[in-house]
């Protein structure tokens, strides 16, 4: 690889930061286009015993794609310096893409050495709850710690939030759907999936109402 020194001499730190963000946006768009063609739904797994990294590794070793919502956390190290680190939002939840049959998924869960269960459609149901691919893709985009400061809610907290279904037509969240909710005199786009919800700041005029499905 060749480096041409002097090419960036006229660039300020601010312009380099903007360029970095633009590169990240282009990569994100490419990822969205690629993943939007995938119609595979996702499962939400409830974990017991705080073994999230090990459980994630277990399913990856079995050829399955996993997702763990993460956010940037500020903390002080032993010397008192402020540090930043990306950490899981919750440690008792894991999302796994459905790339095997229901029977195979059940077998994987039963044969694992971990205490976990696949969240079902409703209490008493034998059917696993499946998160549609588009809904999961939008949720993952809103969970990106590099693009937005999301506020995460439990499923129960999200359900209690009043709001109308909308689609964002302008700005960095263009194309995303969810519920427009208000908190502390500010507007947020709320996206819910099985077991979790995330809110991201949005300008009200950027949203247009959509008919609930």
C-alpha atoms as a PDB file:
ATOM      1  CA  UNK A   1       0.000   0.000   0.000  1.00  0.00           C
ATOM      2  CA  UNK A   2       1.335   3.432  -0.950  1.00  0.00           C
ATOM      3  CA  UNK A   3       0.868   6.608   1.025  1.00  0.00           C
ATOM      4  CA  UNK A   4       1.217  10.004  -0.633  1.00  0.00           C
ATOM      5  CA  UNK A   5       2.308  12.470   1.979  1.00  0.00           C
ATOM      6  CA  UNK A   6       1.092  15.999   1.528  1.00  0.00           C
ATOM      7  CA  UNK A   7      -2.267  15.026   0.061  1.00  0.00           C
ATOM      8  CA  UNK A   8      -4.097  15.939   3.299  1.00  0.00           C
ATOM      9  CA  UNK A   9      -2.009  18.970   4.262  1.00  0.00           C
ATOM     10  CA  UNK A  10      -4.851  21.377   3.431  1.00  0.00           C
ATOM     11  CA  UNK A  11      -7.426  19.392   5.375  1.00  0.00           C
ATOM     12  CA  UNK A  12      -8.401  20.582   8.819  1.00  0.00           C
ATOM     13  CA  UNK A  13      -9.223  18.184  11.678  1.00  0.00           C
ATOM     14  CA  UNK A  14     -12.895  19.134  11.206  1.00  0.00           C
ATOM     15  CA  UNK A  15     -12.852  18.272   7.488  1.00  0.00           C
ATOM     16  CA  UNK A  16     -11.147  14.959   8.214  1.00  0.00           C
ATOM     17  CA  UNK A  17     -13.850  14.174  10.795  1.00  0.00           C
ATOM     18  CA  UNK A  18     -16.585  15.005   8.268  1.00  0.00           C
ATOM     19  CA  UNK A  19     -14.858  12.825   5.665  1.00  0.00           C
ATOM     20  CA  UNK A  20     -14.672   9.960   8.147  1.00  0.00           C
ATOM     21  CA  UNK A  21     -18.389  10.290   8.917  1.00  0.00           C
ATOM     22  CA  UNK A  22     -19.218  10.362   5.198  1.00  0.00           C
ATOM     23  CA  UNK A  23     -17.217   7.178   4.633  1.00  0.00           C
ATOM     24  CA  UNK A  24     -19.092   5.572   7.522  1.00  0.00           C
ATOM     25  CA  UNK A  25     -22.413   6.669   5.980  1.00  0.00           C
ATOM     26  CA  UNK A  26     -21.475   5.181   2.596  1.00  0.00           C
ATOM     27  CA  UNK A  27     -20.525   1.911   4.228  1.00  0.00           C
ATOM     28  CA  UNK A  28     -23.774   1.902   6.196  1.00  0.00           C
ATOM     29  CA  UNK A  29     -25.788   2.462   2.999  1.00  0.00           C
ATOM     30  CA  UNK A  30     -23.975  -0.420   1.307  1.00  0.00           C
ATOM     31  CA  UNK A  31     -24.723  -2.650   4.285  1.00  0.00           C
ATOM     32  CA  UNK A  32     -28.387  -1.623   4.197  1.00  0.00           C
ATOM     33  CA  UNK A  33     -28.703  -2.406   0.478  1.00  0.00           C
ATOM     34  CA  UNK A  34     -27.077  -5.792   0.956  1.00  0.00           C
ATOM     35  CA  UNK A  35     -29.135  -6.713   4.026  1.00  0.00           C
ATOM     36  CA  UNK A  36     -32.427  -5.370   2.648  1.00  0.00           C
ATOM     37  CA  UNK A  37     -32.411  -8.241   0.148  1.00  0.00           C
ATOM     38  CA  UNK A  38     -32.352 -10.751   3.015  1.00  0.00           C
ATOM     39  CA  UNK A  39     -35.849 -11.676   4.174  1.00  0.00           C
ATOM     40  CA  UNK A  40     -34.804 -14.008   7.006  1.00  0.00           C
ATOM     41  CA  UNK A  41     -36.554 -13.188  10.308  1.00  0.00           C
ATOM     42  CA  UNK A  42     -34.809 -13.094  13.684  1.00  0.00           C
ATOM     43  CA  UNK A  43     -35.313 -14.764  17.061  1.00  0.00           C
ATOM     44  CA  UNK A  44     -34.941 -13.052  20.426  1.00  0.00           C
ATOM     45  CA  UNK A  45     -33.312 -15.226  23.103  1.00  0.00           C
ATOM     46  CA  UNK A  46     -33.648 -14.637  26.814  1.00  0.00           C
ATOM     47  CA  UNK A  47     -30.438 -15.510  28.675  1.00  0.00           C
ATOM     48  CA  UNK A  48     -29.926 -16.491  32.295  1.00  0.00           C
ATOM     49  CA  UNK A  49     -26.610 -16.351  34.140  1.00  0.00           C
ATOM     50  CA  UNK A  50     -24.955 -13.415  32.317  1.00  0.00           C
ATOM     51  CA  UNK A  51     -23.137 -15.580  29.755  1.00  0.00           C
ATOM     52  CA  UNK A  52     -23.930 -13.420  26.744  1.00  0.00           C
ATOM     53  CA  UNK A  53     -20.478 -13.528  25.048  1.00  0.00           C
ATOM     54  CA  UNK A  54     -20.280 -17.307  25.407  1.00  0.00           C
ATOM     55  CA  UNK A  55     -23.833 -17.826  24.126  1.00  0.00           C
ATOM     56  CA  UNK A  56     -23.153 -15.546  21.163  1.00  0.00           C
ATOM     57  CA  UNK A  57     -20.006 -17.521  20.355  1.00  0.00           C
ATOM     58  CA  UNK A  58     -21.943 -20.803  20.616  1.00  0.00           C
ATOM     59  CA  UNK A  59     -24.469 -19.799  17.952  1.00  0.00           C
ATOM     60  CA  UNK A  60     -21.784 -18.273  15.725  1.00  0.00           C
ATOM     61  CA  UNK A  61     -19.855 -21.551  15.905  1.00  0.00           C
ATOM     62  CA  UNK A  62     -23.019 -23.206  14.621  1.00  0.00           C
ATOM     63  CA  UNK A  63     -23.080 -20.898  11.608  1.00  0.00           C
ATOM     64  CA  UNK A  64     -25.703 -18.438  12.811  1.00  0.00           C
ATOM     65  CA  UNK A  65     -25.593 -14.639  12.708  1.00  0.00           C
ATOM     66  CA  UNK A  66     -26.085 -12.844  16.018  1.00  0.00           C
ATOM     67  CA  UNK A  67     -26.719  -9.285  17.109  1.00  0.00           C
ATOM     68  CA  UNK A  68     -26.162  -7.628  20.479  1.00  0.00           C
ATOM     69  CA  UNK A  69     -27.345  -3.998  20.882  1.00  0.00           C
ATOM     70  CA  UNK A  70     -24.456  -1.871  22.170  1.00  0.00           C
ATOM     71  CA  UNK A  71     -23.914   1.728  23.237  1.00  0.00           C
ATOM     72  CA  UNK A  72     -21.038   4.030  24.141  1.00  0.00           C
ATOM     73  CA  UNK A  73     -20.392   4.215  27.880  1.00  0.00           C
ATOM     74  CA  UNK A  74     -18.216   6.769  29.688  1.00  0.00           C
ATOM     75  CA  UNK A  75     -16.307   5.625  32.772  1.00  0.00           C
ATOM     76  CA  UNK A  76     -13.280   6.512  34.864  1.00  0.00           C
ATOM     77  CA  UNK A  77     -10.312   4.165  34.960  1.00  0.00           C
ATOM     78  CA  UNK A  78      -8.200   3.520  38.050  1.00  0.00           C
ATOM     79  CA  UNK A  79      -6.123   6.631  37.405  1.00  0.00           C
ATOM     80  CA  UNK A  80      -9.236   8.813  37.251  1.00  0.00           C
ATOM     81  CA  UNK A  81      -9.113   9.346  33.487  1.00  0.00           C
ATOM     82  CA  UNK A  82     -12.343   9.452  31.536  1.00  0.00           C
ATOM     83  CA  UNK A  83     -12.607   6.536  29.121  1.00  0.00           C
ATOM     84  CA  UNK A  84     -15.109   5.549  26.427  1.00  0.00           C
ATOM     85  CA  UNK A  85     -16.114   2.003  25.686  1.00  0.00           C
ATOM     86  CA  UNK A  86     -18.811   0.268  23.654  1.00  0.00           C
ATOM     87  CA  UNK A  87     -20.731  -2.140  25.879  1.00  0.00           C
ATOM     88  CA  UNK A  88     -23.892  -4.270  25.526  1.00  0.00           C
ATOM     89  CA  UNK A  89     -27.122  -2.476  26.397  1.00  0.00           C
ATOM     90  CA  UNK A  90     -28.444  -5.554  28.199  1.00  0.00           C
ATOM     91  CA  UNK A  91     -26.686  -8.804  29.024  1.00  0.00           C
ATOM     92  CA  UNK A  92     -29.742 -11.062  29.171  1.00  0.00           C
ATOM     93  CA  UNK A  93     -30.831 -10.746  25.546  1.00  0.00           C
ATOM     94  CA  UNK A  94     -29.427 -12.001  22.233  1.00  0.00           C
ATOM     95  CA  UNK A  95     -30.844 -11.775  18.716  1.00  0.00           C
ATOM     96  CA  UNK A  96     -30.193 -14.657  16.302  1.00  0.00           C
ATOM     97  CA  UNK A  97     -31.081 -14.738  12.613  1.00  0.00           C
ATOM     98  CA  UNK A  98     -33.331 -17.621  11.601  1.00  0.00           C
ATOM     99  CA  UNK A  99     -31.242 -19.643   9.146  1.00  0.00           C
ATOM    100  CA  UNK A 100     -32.325 -23.104  10.342  1.00  0.00           C
ATOM    101  CA  UNK A 101     -35.669 -24.816  10.853  1.00  0.00           C
ATOM    102  CA  UNK A 102     -37.638 -24.385  14.060  1.00  0.00           C
ATOM    103  CA  UNK A 103     -36.832 -27.971  15.017  1.00  0.00           C
ATOM    104  CA  UNK A 104     -33.098 -27.374  14.485  1.00  0.00           C
ATOM    105  CA  UNK A 105     -33.250 -24.184  16.544  1.00  0.00           C
ATOM    106  CA  UNK A 106     -34.975 -26.039  19.371  1.00  0.00           C
ATOM    107  CA  UNK A 107     -32.277 -28.709  19.224  1.00  0.00           C
ATOM    108  CA  UNK A 108     -29.508 -26.096  19.376  1.00  0.00           C
ATOM    109  CA  UNK A 109     -31.090 -24.524  22.453  1.00  0.00           C
ATOM    110  CA  UNK A 110     -31.588 -27.862  24.193  1.00  0.00           C
ATOM    111  CA  UNK A 111     -28.075 -29.101  23.401  1.00  0.00           C
ATOM    112  CA  UNK A 112     -26.351 -25.960  24.647  1.00  0.00           C
ATOM    113  CA  UNK A 113     -24.762 -25.855  28.091  1.00  0.00           C
ATOM    114  CA  UNK A 114     -26.407 -22.524  28.819  1.00  0.00           C
ATOM    115  CA  UNK A 115     -29.657 -21.529  30.449  1.00  0.00           C
ATOM    116  CA  UNK A 116     -31.635 -19.779  27.740  1.00  0.00           C
ATOM    117  CA  UNK A 117     -34.954 -19.774  25.939  1.00  0.00           C
ATOM    118  CA  UNK A 118     -36.352 -18.436  22.690  1.00  0.00           C
ATOM    119  CA  UNK A 119     -39.050 -15.840  23.376  1.00  0.00           C
ATOM    120  CA  UNK A 120     -42.420 -17.089  22.156  1.00  0.00           C
ATOM    121  CA  UNK A 121     -45.261 -15.221  20.460  1.00  0.00           C
ATOM    122  CA  UNK A 122     -47.305 -15.101  23.634  1.00  0.00           C
ATOM    123  CA  UNK A 123     -47.555 -16.793  26.993  1.00  0.00           C
ATOM    124  CA  UNK A 124     -48.544 -20.423  26.587  1.00  0.00           C
ATOM    125  CA  UNK A 125     -47.774 -20.479  22.855  1.00  0.00           C
ATOM    126  CA  UNK A 126     -45.488 -23.113  21.327  1.00  0.00           C
ATOM    127  CA  UNK A 127     -44.514 -20.857  18.440  1.00  0.00           C
ATOM    128  CA  UNK A 128     -41.363 -18.771  18.595  1.00  0.00           C
ATOM    129  CA  UNK A 129     -41.743 -15.029  18.127  1.00  0.00           C
ATOM    130  CA  UNK A 130     -40.152 -14.011  14.820  1.00  0.00           C
ATOM    131  CA  UNK A 131     -38.958 -10.452  14.126  1.00  0.00           C
ATOM    132  CA  UNK A 132     -39.440  -9.520  10.435  1.00  0.00           C
ATOM    133  CA  UNK A 133     -36.213  -8.811   8.535  1.00  0.00           C
ATOM    134  CA  UNK A 134     -37.059  -5.165   7.708  1.00  0.00           C
ATOM    135  CA  UNK A 135     -38.066  -4.407  11.286  1.00  0.00           C
ATOM    136  CA  UNK A 136     -34.838  -5.923  12.574  1.00  0.00           C
ATOM    137  CA  UNK A 137     -32.719  -4.073  10.013  1.00  0.00           C
ATOM    138  CA  UNK A 138     -34.174  -0.702  11.041  1.00  0.00           C
ATOM    139  CA  UNK A 139     -33.732  -1.582  14.708  1.00  0.00           C
ATOM    140  CA  UNK A 140     -30.059  -2.427  14.145  1.00  0.00           C
ATOM    141  CA  UNK A 141     -29.503   0.847  12.305  1.00  0.00           C
ATOM    142  CA  UNK A 142     -30.973   2.800  15.206  1.00  0.00           C
ATOM    143  CA  UNK A 143     -28.755   0.880  17.636  1.00  0.00           C
ATOM    144  CA  UNK A 144     -25.562   1.959  15.829  1.00  0.00           C
ATOM    145  CA  UNK A 145     -23.529   3.729  18.570  1.00  0.00           C
ATOM    146  CA  UNK A 146     -21.533   5.602  15.895  1.00  0.00           C
ATOM    147  CA  UNK A 147     -24.596   7.256  14.390  1.00  0.00           C
ATOM    148  CA  UNK A 148     -27.084   7.989  17.148  1.00  0.00           C
ATOM    149  CA  UNK A 149     -27.393   8.241  20.901  1.00  0.00           C
ATOM    150  CA  UNK A 150     -30.220   5.810  21.429  1.00  0.00           C
ATOM    151  CA  UNK A 151     -32.327   5.570  24.553  1.00  0.00           C
ATOM    152  CA  UNK A 152     -33.119   1.932  25.240  1.00  0.00           C
ATOM    153  CA  UNK A 153     -36.337   0.731  26.831  1.00  0.00           C
ATOM    154  CA  UNK A 154     -37.645  -2.589  28.045  1.00  0.00           C
ATOM    155  CA  UNK A 155     -40.501  -4.083  26.047  1.00  0.00           C
ATOM    156  CA  UNK A 156     -42.924  -3.073  28.793  1.00  0.00           C
ATOM    157  CA  UNK A 157     -41.662   0.538  28.884  1.00  0.00           C
ATOM    158  CA  UNK A 158     -41.881   0.826  25.087  1.00  0.00           C
ATOM    159  CA  UNK A 159     -45.476  -0.411  25.029  1.00  0.00           C
ATOM    160  CA  UNK A 160     -46.490   2.267  27.536  1.00  0.00           C
ATOM    161  CA  UNK A 161     -45.180   5.088  25.312  1.00  0.00           C
ATOM    162  CA  UNK A 162     -48.036   6.789  23.440  1.00  0.00           C
ATOM    163  CA  UNK A 163     -47.240   7.693  19.850  1.00  0.00           C
ATOM    164  CA  UNK A 164     -48.424   7.531  16.249  1.00  0.00           C
ATOM    165  CA  UNK A 165     -46.803   5.405  13.514  1.00  0.00           C
ATOM    166  CA  UNK A 166     -44.641   7.502  11.171  1.00  0.00           C
ATOM    167  CA  UNK A 167     -42.000   7.267   8.479  1.00  0.00           C
ATOM    168  CA  UNK A 168     -39.000   9.601   8.413  1.00  0.00           C
ATOM    169  CA  UNK A 169     -38.770  11.402   5.051  1.00  0.00           C
ATOM    170  CA  UNK A 170     -35.786  13.692   5.634  1.00  0.00           C
ATOM    171  CA  UNK A 171     -32.477  13.643   7.483  1.00  0.00           C
ATOM    172  CA  UNK A 172     -30.106  10.837   8.513  1.00  0.00           C
ATOM    173  CA  UNK A 173     -32.996   8.573   9.574  1.00  0.00           C
ATOM    174  CA  UNK A 174     -34.756   8.852   6.205  1.00  0.00           C
ATOM    175  CA  UNK A 175     -36.748   5.740   5.351  1.00  0.00           C
ATOM    176  CA  UNK A 176     -37.020   4.428   8.883  1.00  0.00           C
ATOM    177  CA  UNK A 177     -40.382   3.728  10.454  1.00  0.00           C
ATOM    178  CA  UNK A 178     -41.573   3.623  14.051  1.00  0.00           C
ATOM    179  CA  UNK A 179     -43.709   5.573  16.480  1.00  0.00           C
ATOM    180  CA  UNK A 180     -43.252   9.296  17.037  1.00  0.00           C
ATOM    181  CA  UNK A 181     -43.137   9.768  20.801  1.00  0.00           C
ATOM    182  CA  UNK A 182     -42.451  12.769  23.026  1.00  0.00           C
ATOM    183  CA  UNK A 183     -40.260  12.853  26.111  1.00  0.00           C
ATOM    184  CA  UNK A 184     -39.095  15.917  28.042  1.00  0.00           C
ATOM    185  CA  UNK A 185     -40.458  18.200  25.288  1.00  0.00           C
ATOM    186  CA  UNK A 186     -38.352  16.434  22.643  1.00  0.00           C
ATOM    187  CA  UNK A 187     -39.442  14.097  19.848  1.00  0.00           C
ATOM    188  CA  UNK A 188     -38.078  10.620  19.278  1.00  0.00           C
ATOM    189  CA  UNK A 189     -38.540   7.809  16.791  1.00  0.00           C
ATOM    190  CA  UNK A 190     -39.322   4.666  18.766  1.00  0.00           C
ATOM    191  CA  UNK A 191     -38.557   1.273  17.229  1.00  0.00           C
ATOM    192  CA  UNK A 192     -39.661  -1.896  18.978  1.00  0.00           C
ATOM    193  CA  UNK A 193     -38.664  -5.516  18.532  1.00  0.00           C
ATOM    194  CA  UNK A 194     -39.300  -8.534  20.713  1.00  0.00           C
ATOM    195  CA  UNK A 195     -37.839  -7.835  24.154  1.00  0.00           C
ATOM    196  CA  UNK A 196     -36.450  -4.332  23.579  1.00  0.00           C
ATOM    197  CA  UNK A 197     -37.109  -0.845  22.223  1.00  0.00           C
ATOM    198  CA  UNK A 198     -34.848   2.037  21.167  1.00  0.00           C
ATOM    199  CA  UNK A 199     -35.611   5.766  20.814  1.00  0.00           C
ATOM    200  CA  UNK A 200     -33.567   8.154  18.652  1.00  0.00           C
ATOM    201  CA  UNK A 201     -33.972  11.944  18.494  1.00  0.00           C
ATOM    202  CA  UNK A 202     -35.827  13.114  15.415  1.00  0.00           C
ATOM    203  CA  UNK A 203     -37.292  16.381  14.168  1.00  0.00           C
ATOM    204  CA  UNK A 204     -41.059  16.253  14.059  1.00  0.00           C
ATOM    205  CA  UNK A 205     -41.390  17.902  10.651  1.00  0.00           C
ATOM    206  CA  UNK A 206     -39.162  15.206   9.124  1.00  0.00           C
ATOM    207  CA  UNK A 207     -41.847  12.578   9.833  1.00  0.00           C
ATOM    208  CA  UNK A 208     -45.037  11.750   8.038  1.00  0.00           C
ATOM    209  CA  UNK A 209     -47.858   9.613   9.421  1.00  0.00           C
ATOM    210  CA  UNK A 210     -48.384   6.125   8.034  1.00  0.00           C
ATOM    211  CA  UNK A 211     -51.313   3.775   8.389  1.00  0.00           C
ATOM    212  CA  UNK A 212     -50.731   1.107  11.047  1.00  0.00           C
ATOM    213  CA  UNK A 213     -50.501  -2.421   9.641  1.00  0.00           C
END
